[in-house]
Amino acid sequence: AGGNGAPARVIVTGPAGSGRRTFAASVARSLGTRLVGIDASRITDETWPSVCLRAYRQALLVGGAVAWCNVSTERRAVPLPKTPFLEFVTGENDLELAPLQGGVDEWVTMPSLTVEQRRALWKRLLPESNSWPERDLEHLAERYRVQLGDIVSIGRRGAATLEQAQEECRKITRHRLGELADLIACPFRREDLTLSPRLTAALDEFLFEARERVRFWEDPAARRLFPRGRGLVALMT
């Protein structure tokens, strides 16, 4: 709770699989508080007020906290005369919430994994990866920016080979495109494309930058020098 005894709301943002719910559960456990967790994405607008009432009532009865998971900006808290002293809300990075009336808000953003952290997690959570060529494992960690929860899920599904792990990563990241784009399968290789020497050099330089950019942007000095954006864009005519 806040320093003046007011209710506190901890808003945990980050991509799916980044450990938002685990963070809330760990904080509640460290405080010795029971946690009532609810997936808000599965609640309809019609039943939202009733579910809010029941969740708050349950938390107050057990002296615990409520964790609203996967909350969207459109959701609005139901005003009640009394709410639990501690509440968690988890959602995507673009989550926006009105300030908590009569309480204290604390925003927490779950950090993204570095390439080295993903590599270590693959070796730890998918033991078969320890027998893969080191370069293949490095490529997997660099290319697919999956989260901790994603790697845990892939390990539980029993992916044993590099190809299986890559396919699982593609499945996980494909739906994150939403309606913005379609992932197009390409059967061709770079060697299948014959170009003039000038275009060949330009394309290879672009591909090099695409492959190495993940590690480059993990360097704080690089991010400081390019504060306006990190996108890689090619205009082809």
C-alpha atoms as a PDB file:
ATOM      1  CA  ALA A   1       0.000   0.000   0.000  1.00  0.00           C
ATOM      2  CA  GLY A   2       1.019   3.609  -0.322  1.00  0.00           C
ATOM      3  CA  GLY A   3       2.957   5.332   2.405  1.00  0.00           C
ATOM      4  CA  ASN A   4      -0.196   7.024   3.705  1.00  0.00           C
ATOM      5  CA  GLY A   5      -2.132   3.781   3.888  1.00  0.00           C
ATOM      6  CA  ALA A   6      -3.903   4.375   0.561  1.00  0.00           C
ATOM      7  CA  PRO A   7      -4.559   1.468  -1.827  1.00  0.00           C
ATOM      8  CA  ALA A   8      -1.785   0.752  -4.327  1.00  0.00           C
ATOM      9  CA  ARG A   9      -2.083  -0.409  -7.913  1.00  0.00           C
ATOM     10  CA  VAL A  10       0.928  -1.937  -9.659  1.00  0.00           C
ATOM     11  CA  ILE A  11       0.628  -1.769 -13.463  1.00  0.00           C
ATOM     12  CA  VAL A  12       2.934  -4.308 -15.114  1.00  0.00           C
ATOM     13  CA  THR A  13       3.401  -3.888 -18.865  1.00  0.00           C
ATOM     14  CA  GLY A  14       5.383  -5.830 -21.426  1.00  0.00           C
ATOM     15  CA  PRO A  15       4.892  -8.257 -24.302  1.00  0.00           C
ATOM     16  CA  ALA A  16       3.063 -11.524 -23.784  1.00  0.00           C
ATOM     17  CA  GLY A  17       5.325 -14.140 -22.236  1.00  0.00           C
ATOM     18  CA  SER A  18       7.616 -11.593 -20.565  1.00  0.00           C
ATOM     19  CA  GLY A  19       6.683 -12.701 -17.042  1.00  0.00           C
ATOM     20  CA  ARG A  20       4.061 -10.121 -16.100  1.00  0.00           C
ATOM     21  CA  ARG A  21       1.897 -12.536 -14.105  1.00  0.00           C
ATOM     22  CA  THR A  22       4.922 -14.198 -12.537  1.00  0.00           C
ATOM     23  CA  PHE A  23       6.147 -10.772 -11.390  1.00  0.00           C
ATOM     24  CA  ALA A  24       2.793 -10.034  -9.744  1.00  0.00           C
ATOM     25  CA  ALA A  25       2.708 -13.442  -8.065  1.00  0.00           C
ATOM     26  CA  SER A  26       6.285 -13.066  -6.799  1.00  0.00           C
ATOM     27  CA  VAL A  27       5.595  -9.637  -5.296  1.00  0.00           C
ATOM     28  CA  ALA A  28       2.431 -10.899  -3.603  1.00  0.00           C
ATOM     29  CA  ARG A  29       4.259 -13.928  -2.230  1.00  0.00           C
ATOM     30  CA  SER A  30       7.104 -11.809  -0.869  1.00  0.00           C
ATOM     31  CA  LEU A  31       4.497  -9.710   0.969  1.00  0.00           C
ATOM     32  CA  GLY A  32       2.784 -12.807   2.309  1.00  0.00           C
ATOM     33  CA  THR A  33      -0.373 -11.861   0.405  1.00  0.00           C
ATOM     34  CA  ARG A  34      -2.762 -14.236  -1.320  1.00  0.00           C
ATOM     35  CA  LEU A  35      -3.454 -13.354  -4.939  1.00  0.00           C
ATOM     36  CA  VAL A  36      -6.704 -13.635  -6.891  1.00  0.00           C
ATOM     37  CA  GLY A  37      -5.706 -13.767 -10.570  1.00  0.00           C
ATOM     38  CA  ILE A  38      -8.238 -13.143 -13.345  1.00  0.00           C
ATOM     39  CA  ASP A  39      -7.761 -13.164 -17.133  1.00  0.00           C
ATOM     40  CA  ALA A  40      -9.569  -9.977 -18.139  1.00  0.00           C
ATOM     41  CA  SER A  41      -9.421 -10.847 -21.849  1.00  0.00           C
ATOM     42  CA  ARG A  42     -11.963 -13.613 -21.270  1.00  0.00           C
ATOM     43  CA  ILE A  43     -14.537 -11.350 -19.617  1.00  0.00           C
ATOM     44  CA  THR A  44     -17.276  -9.763 -21.723  1.00  0.00           C
ATOM     45  CA  ASP A  45     -18.241  -6.117 -21.340  1.00  0.00           C
ATOM     46  CA  GLU A  46     -21.629  -7.166 -19.962  1.00  0.00           C
ATOM     47  CA  THR A  47     -20.199  -9.298 -17.170  1.00  0.00           C
ATOM     48  CA  TRP A  48     -17.235  -7.016 -16.371  1.00  0.00           C
ATOM     49  CA  PRO A  49     -18.953  -5.054 -13.519  1.00  0.00           C
ATOM     50  CA  SER A  50     -20.176  -8.264 -11.869  1.00  0.00           C
ATOM     51  CA  VAL A  51     -16.764  -9.947 -12.134  1.00  0.00           C
ATOM     52  CA  CYS A  52     -15.065  -6.852 -10.666  1.00  0.00           C
ATOM     53  CA  LEU A  53     -17.426  -6.905  -7.699  1.00  0.00           C
ATOM     54  CA  ARG A  54     -16.902 -10.612  -7.054  1.00  0.00           C
ATOM     55  CA  ALA A  55     -13.118 -10.418  -7.443  1.00  0.00           C
ATOM     56  CA  TYR A  56     -12.768  -7.476  -5.050  1.00  0.00           C
ATOM     57  CA  ARG A  57     -15.102  -9.167  -2.573  1.00  0.00           C
ATOM     58  CA  GLN A  58     -13.063 -12.381  -2.676  1.00  0.00           C
ATOM     59  CA  ALA A  59      -9.785 -10.500  -2.209  1.00  0.00           C
ATOM     60  CA  LEU A  60     -11.178  -8.574   0.762  1.00  0.00           C
ATOM     61  CA  LEU A  61     -12.510 -11.767   2.354  1.00  0.00           C
ATOM     62  CA  VAL A  62      -9.137 -13.546   2.172  1.00  0.00           C
ATOM     63  CA  GLY A  63      -7.102 -10.417   2.895  1.00  0.00           C
ATOM     64  CA  GLY A  64      -5.370 -10.670  -0.450  1.00  0.00           C
ATOM     65  CA  ALA A  65      -4.791  -8.798  -3.701  1.00  0.00           C
ATOM     66  CA  VAL A  66      -6.320  -8.924  -7.167  1.00  0.00           C
ATOM     67  CA  ALA A  67      -4.315  -9.389 -10.377  1.00  0.00           C
ATOM     68  CA  TRP A  68      -6.134  -8.386 -13.553  1.00  0.00           C
ATOM     69  CA  CYS A  69      -4.247 -10.053 -16.401  1.00  0.00           C
ATOM     70  CA  ASN A  70      -4.249  -9.086 -20.089  1.00  0.00           C
ATOM     71  CA  VAL A  71      -6.135  -5.847 -19.543  1.00  0.00           C
ATOM     72  CA  SER A  72      -6.881  -3.548 -22.488  1.00  0.00           C
ATOM     73  CA  THR A  73      -7.117   0.223 -22.360  1.00  0.00           C
ATOM     74  CA  GLU A  74     -10.883   0.077 -22.956  1.00  0.00           C
ATOM     75  CA  ARG A  75     -11.512  -1.558 -19.584  1.00  0.00           C
ATOM     76  CA  ARG A  76     -12.651   0.775 -16.832  1.00  0.00           C
ATOM     77  CA  ALA A  77     -12.460  -0.026 -13.127  1.00  0.00           C
ATOM     78  CA  VAL A  78     -15.794  -0.324 -11.368  1.00  0.00           C
ATOM     79  CA  PRO A  79     -16.093   2.272  -8.563  1.00  0.00           C
ATOM     80  CA  LEU A  80     -16.641   0.571  -5.215  1.00  0.00           C
ATOM     81  CA  PRO A  81     -16.746   1.957  -1.665  1.00  0.00           C
ATOM     82  CA  LYS A  82     -13.862  -0.308  -0.651  1.00  0.00           C
ATOM     83  CA  THR A  83     -11.177  -2.081  -2.686  1.00  0.00           C
ATOM     84  CA  PRO A  84      -8.198  -4.300  -1.726  1.00  0.00           C
ATOM     85  CA  PHE A  85      -5.124  -2.471  -0.477  1.00  0.00           C
ATOM     86  CA  LEU A  86      -3.069  -3.959  -3.337  1.00  0.00           C
ATOM     87  CA  GLU A  87      -4.033  -4.559  -6.942  1.00  0.00           C
ATOM     88  CA  PHE A  88      -2.074  -5.645 -10.024  1.00  0.00           C
ATOM     89  CA  VAL A  89      -2.902  -4.908 -13.654  1.00  0.00           C
ATOM     90  CA  THR A  90      -0.958  -6.529 -16.491  1.00  0.00           C
ATOM     91  CA  GLY A  91      -1.109  -5.621 -20.173  1.00  0.00           C
ATOM     92  CA  GLU A  92       0.790  -4.726 -23.317  1.00  0.00           C
ATOM     93  CA  ASN A  93       3.315  -1.885 -23.496  1.00  0.00           C
ATOM     94  CA  ASP A  94       0.714   0.502 -24.932  1.00  0.00           C
ATOM     95  CA  LEU A  95      -1.670   0.049 -21.998  1.00  0.00           C
ATOM     96  CA  GLU A  96      -3.161   3.331 -20.768  1.00  0.00           C
ATOM     97  CA  LEU A  97      -5.169   3.613 -17.543  1.00  0.00           C
ATOM     98  CA  ALA A  98      -6.799   6.514 -15.764  1.00  0.00           C
ATOM     99  CA  PRO A  99      -5.092   7.360 -12.425  1.00  0.00           C
ATOM    100  CA  LEU A 100      -6.283   5.368  -9.430  1.00  0.00           C
ATOM    101  CA  GLN A 101      -8.651   7.576  -7.458  1.00  0.00           C
ATOM    102  CA  GLY A 102      -7.608   7.857  -3.832  1.00  0.00           C
ATOM    103  CA  GLY A 103      -4.650   5.549  -4.341  1.00  0.00           C
ATOM    104  CA  VAL A 104      -1.094   5.211  -5.633  1.00  0.00           C
ATOM    105  CA  ASP A 105      -0.070   3.929  -9.077  1.00  0.00           C
ATOM    106  CA  GLU A 106       3.282   2.263  -9.706  1.00  0.00           C
ATOM    107  CA  TRP A 107       4.235   1.412 -13.309  1.00  0.00           C
ATOM    108  CA  VAL A 108       6.610  -1.475 -14.020  1.00  0.00           C
ATOM    109  CA  THR A 109       7.853  -2.422 -17.494  1.00  0.00           C
ATOM    110  CA  MET A 110       9.186  -5.929 -17.913  1.00  0.00           C
ATOM    111  CA  PRO A 111      12.619  -5.803 -19.602  1.00  0.00           C
ATOM    112  CA  SER A 112      13.249  -7.502 -22.927  1.00  0.00           C
ATOM    113  CA  LEU A 113      15.666 -10.405 -23.054  1.00  0.00           C
ATOM    114  CA  THR A 114      19.108  -9.866 -24.529  1.00  0.00           C
ATOM    115  CA  VAL A 115      20.572 -12.255 -27.076  1.00  0.00           C
ATOM    116  CA  GLU A 116      22.806 -13.799 -24.423  1.00  0.00           C
ATOM    117  CA  GLN A 117      19.870 -14.263 -22.059  1.00  0.00           C
ATOM    118  CA  ARG A 118      17.809 -15.975 -24.764  1.00  0.00           C
ATOM    119  CA  ARG A 119      20.768 -18.194 -25.644  1.00  0.00           C
ATOM    120  CA  ALA A 120      21.209 -19.203 -21.995  1.00  0.00           C
ATOM    121  CA  LEU A 121      17.489 -19.865 -21.619  1.00  0.00           C
ATOM    122  CA  TRP A 122      17.414 -22.078 -24.715  1.00  0.00           C
ATOM    123  CA  LYS A 123      20.264 -24.170 -23.292  1.00  0.00           C
ATOM    124  CA  ARG A 124      18.619 -24.351 -19.888  1.00  0.00           C
ATOM    125  CA  LEU A 125      14.989 -24.978 -20.874  1.00  0.00           C
ATOM    126  CA  LEU A 126      15.611 -27.023 -24.021  1.00  0.00           C
ATOM    127  CA  PRO A 127      18.482 -29.377 -23.060  1.00  0.00           C
ATOM    128  CA  GLU A 128      18.635 -30.793 -26.592  1.00  0.00           C
ATOM    129  CA  SER A 129      19.955 -27.437 -27.791  1.00  0.00           C
ATOM    130  CA  ASN A 130      23.263 -28.104 -26.022  1.00  0.00           C
ATOM    131  CA  SER A 131      24.109 -30.592 -28.787  1.00  0.00           C
ATOM    132  CA  TRP A 132      23.365 -28.158 -31.621  1.00  0.00           C
ATOM    133  CA  PRO A 133      26.164 -26.351 -33.457  1.00  0.00           C
ATOM    134  CA  GLU A 134      26.975 -23.163 -31.556  1.00  0.00           C
ATOM    135  CA  ARG A 135      26.366 -20.995 -34.605  1.00  0.00           C
ATOM    136  CA  ASP A 136      22.850 -22.416 -35.068  1.00  0.00           C
ATOM    137  CA  LEU A 137      21.955 -21.726 -31.458  1.00  0.00           C
ATOM    138  CA  GLU A 138      23.351 -18.207 -31.794  1.00  0.00           C
ATOM    139  CA  HIS A 139      21.250 -17.636 -34.904  1.00  0.00           C
ATOM    140  CA  LEU A 140      18.098 -18.839 -33.120  1.00  0.00           C
ATOM    141  CA  ALA A 141      18.704 -16.480 -30.198  1.00  0.00           C
ATOM    142  CA  GLU A 142      19.386 -13.516 -32.471  1.00  0.00           C
ATOM    143  CA  ARG A 143      16.636 -13.981 -35.034  1.00  0.00           C
ATOM    144  CA  TYR A 144      13.633 -14.770 -32.845  1.00  0.00           C
ATOM    145  CA  ARG A 145      12.986 -12.221 -30.114  1.00  0.00           C
ATOM    146  CA  VAL A 146      10.816 -14.558 -28.086  1.00  0.00           C
ATOM    147  CA  GLN A 147      10.122 -14.067 -24.408  1.00  0.00           C
ATOM    148  CA  LEU A 148      10.855 -16.243 -21.393  1.00  0.00           C
ATOM    149  CA  GLY A 149       7.333 -17.690 -21.383  1.00  0.00           C
ATOM    150  CA  ASP A 150       7.646 -18.577 -25.070  1.00  0.00           C
ATOM    151  CA  ILE A 151      10.837 -20.571 -24.540  1.00  0.00           C
ATOM    152  CA  VAL A 152       9.279 -22.349 -21.545  1.00  0.00           C
ATOM    153  CA  SER A 153       6.257 -23.254 -23.679  1.00  0.00           C
ATOM    154  CA  ILE A 154       8.388 -24.529 -26.566  1.00  0.00           C
ATOM    155  CA  GLY A 155      10.416 -26.664 -24.162  1.00  0.00           C
ATOM    156  CA  ARG A 156       7.256 -28.173 -22.677  1.00  0.00           C
ATOM    157  CA  ARG A 157       5.974 -29.041 -26.141  1.00  0.00           C
ATOM    158  CA  GLY A 158       9.060 -31.180 -26.645  1.00  0.00           C
ATOM    159  CA  ALA A 159      10.857 -29.482 -29.520  1.00  0.00           C
ATOM    160  CA  ALA A 160      14.064 -31.485 -29.933  1.00  0.00           C
ATOM    161  CA  THR A 161      15.686 -30.219 -33.134  1.00  0.00           C
ATOM    162  CA  LEU A 162      16.692 -26.775 -34.360  1.00  0.00           C
ATOM    163  CA  GLU A 163      14.097 -26.987 -37.136  1.00  0.00           C
ATOM    164  CA  GLN A 164      11.336 -27.762 -34.648  1.00  0.00           C
ATOM    165  CA  ALA A 165      12.383 -24.888 -32.393  1.00  0.00           C
ATOM    166  CA  GLN A 166      12.433 -22.480 -35.357  1.00  0.00           C
ATOM    167  CA  GLU A 167       8.981 -23.585 -36.473  1.00  0.00           C
ATOM    168  CA  GLU A 168       7.601 -23.080 -32.954  1.00  0.00           C
ATOM    169  CA  CYS A 169       9.155 -19.607 -32.869  1.00  0.00           C
ATOM    170  CA  ARG A 170       7.551 -18.762 -36.196  1.00  0.00           C
ATOM    171  CA  LYS A 171       4.153 -19.885 -34.919  1.00  0.00           C
ATOM    172  CA  ILE A 172       4.506 -17.740 -31.796  1.00  0.00           C
ATOM    173  CA  THR A 173       5.663 -14.604 -33.582  1.00  0.00           C
ATOM    174  CA  ARG A 174       3.348 -14.938 -36.594  1.00  0.00           C
ATOM    175  CA  HIS A 175       0.171 -13.991 -34.719  1.00  0.00           C
ATOM    176  CA  ARG A 176       1.872 -10.887 -33.278  1.00  0.00           C
ATOM    177  CA  LEU A 177       1.676  -9.304 -36.720  1.00  0.00           C
ATOM    178  CA  GLY A 178      -2.069  -9.005 -36.142  1.00  0.00           C
ATOM    179  CA  GLU A 179      -3.798  -7.351 -39.085  1.00  0.00           C
ATOM    180  CA  LEU A 180      -0.752  -5.260 -39.966  1.00  0.00           C
ATOM    181  CA  ALA A 181       0.935  -7.773 -42.241  1.00  0.00           C
ATOM    182  CA  ASP A 182       1.008 -11.326 -43.547  1.00  0.00           C
ATOM    183  CA  LEU A 183       4.032 -13.566 -43.151  1.00  0.00           C
ATOM    184  CA  ILE A 184       5.007 -14.875 -46.588  1.00  0.00           C
ATOM    185  CA  ALA A 185       6.801 -18.202 -46.870  1.00  0.00           C
ATOM    186  CA  CYS A 186       9.759 -18.006 -49.261  1.00  0.00           C
ATOM    187  CA  PRO A 187      11.355 -21.154 -50.722  1.00  0.00           C
ATOM    188  CA  PHE A 188      14.286 -19.265 -52.276  1.00  0.00           C
ATOM    189  CA  ARG A 189      17.807 -18.688 -51.010  1.00  0.00           C
ATOM    190  CA  ARG A 190      20.113 -15.730 -51.470  1.00  0.00           C
ATOM    191  CA  GLU A 191      22.144 -17.774 -53.969  1.00  0.00           C
ATOM    192  CA  ASP A 192      19.081 -18.084 -56.235  1.00  0.00           C
ATOM    193  CA  LEU A 193      19.149 -14.341 -56.949  1.00  0.00           C
ATOM    194  CA  THR A 194      21.522 -13.165 -59.698  1.00  0.00           C
ATOM    195  CA  LEU A 195      22.219  -9.422 -59.790  1.00  0.00           C
ATOM    196  CA  SER A 196      24.748  -6.974 -61.141  1.00  0.00           C
ATOM    197  CA  PRO A 197      27.922  -6.560 -59.045  1.00  0.00           C
ATOM    198  CA  ARG A 198      26.738  -3.176 -57.704  1.00  0.00           C
ATOM    199  CA  LEU A 199      23.346  -4.467 -56.615  1.00  0.00           C
ATOM    200  CA  THR A 200      24.898  -7.642 -55.222  1.00  0.00           C
ATOM    201  CA  ALA A 201      27.187  -5.590 -52.974  1.00  0.00           C
ATOM    202  CA  ALA A 202      24.326  -3.311 -51.854  1.00  0.00           C
ATOM    203  CA  LEU A 203      22.050  -6.254 -51.040  1.00  0.00           C
ATOM    204  CA  ASP A 204      24.746  -8.150 -49.150  1.00  0.00           C
ATOM    205  CA  GLU A 205      25.507  -5.055 -47.077  1.00  0.00           C
ATOM    206  CA  PHE A 206      21.813  -4.738 -46.251  1.00  0.00           C
ATOM    207  CA  LEU A 207      21.592  -8.411 -45.275  1.00  0.00           C
ATOM    208  CA  PHE A 208      24.675  -8.067 -43.094  1.00  0.00           C
ATOM    209  CA  GLU A 209      23.098  -5.150 -41.260  1.00  0.00           C
ATOM    210  CA  ALA A 210      19.841  -7.092 -40.849  1.00  0.00           C
ATOM    211  CA  ARG A 211      21.685 -10.051 -39.321  1.00  0.00           C
ATOM    212  CA  GLU A 212      23.929  -8.060 -36.999  1.00  0.00           C
ATOM    213  CA  ARG A 213      21.538  -5.284 -35.954  1.00  0.00           C
ATOM    214  CA  VAL A 214      20.163  -7.142 -32.909  1.00  0.00           C
ATOM    215  CA  ARG A 215      23.516  -7.171 -31.135  1.00  0.00           C
ATOM    216  CA  PHE A 216      24.320  -3.652 -32.323  1.00  0.00           C
ATOM    217  CA  TRP A 217      21.203  -2.151 -30.726  1.00  0.00           C
ATOM    218  CA  GLU A 218      21.851  -3.919 -27.438  1.00  0.00           C
ATOM    219  CA  ASP A 219      24.855  -1.636 -27.004  1.00  0.00           C
ATOM    220  CA  PRO A 220      23.772   1.419 -24.918  1.00  0.00           C
ATOM    221  CA  ALA A 221      26.348   3.571 -26.717  1.00  0.00           C
ATOM    222  CA  ALA A 222      24.781   2.739 -30.082  1.00  0.00           C
ATOM    223  CA  ARG A 223      21.284   3.518 -28.832  1.00  0.00           C
ATOM    224  CA  ARG A 224      22.522   6.886 -27.510  1.00  0.00           C
ATOM    225  CA  LEU A 225      23.926   7.849 -30.913  1.00  0.00           C
ATOM    226  CA  PHE A 226      20.707   6.971 -32.763  1.00  0.00           C
ATOM    227  CA  PRO A 227      17.878   8.213 -30.520  1.00  0.00           C
ATOM    228  CA  ARG A 228      15.338   8.802 -33.280  1.00  0.00           C
ATOM    229  CA  GLY A 229      14.772   5.244 -34.394  1.00  0.00           C
ATOM    230  CA  ARG A 230      16.248   1.807 -34.916  1.00  0.00           C
ATOM    231  CA  GLY A 231      14.286   0.599 -37.901  1.00  0.00           C
ATOM    232  CA  LEU A 232      15.896  -0.931 -40.981  1.00  0.00           C
ATOM    233  CA  VAL A 233      14.137   0.071 -44.188  1.00  0.00           C
ATOM    234  CA  ALA A 234      14.772  -0.809 -47.827  1.00  0.00           C
ATOM    235  CA  LEU A 235      13.074   0.992 -50.714  1.00  0.00           C
ATOM    236  CA  MET A 236      13.018  -1.249 -53.787  1.00  0.00           C
ATOM    237  CA  THR A 237      11.799  -0.089 -57.200  1.00  0.00           C
END
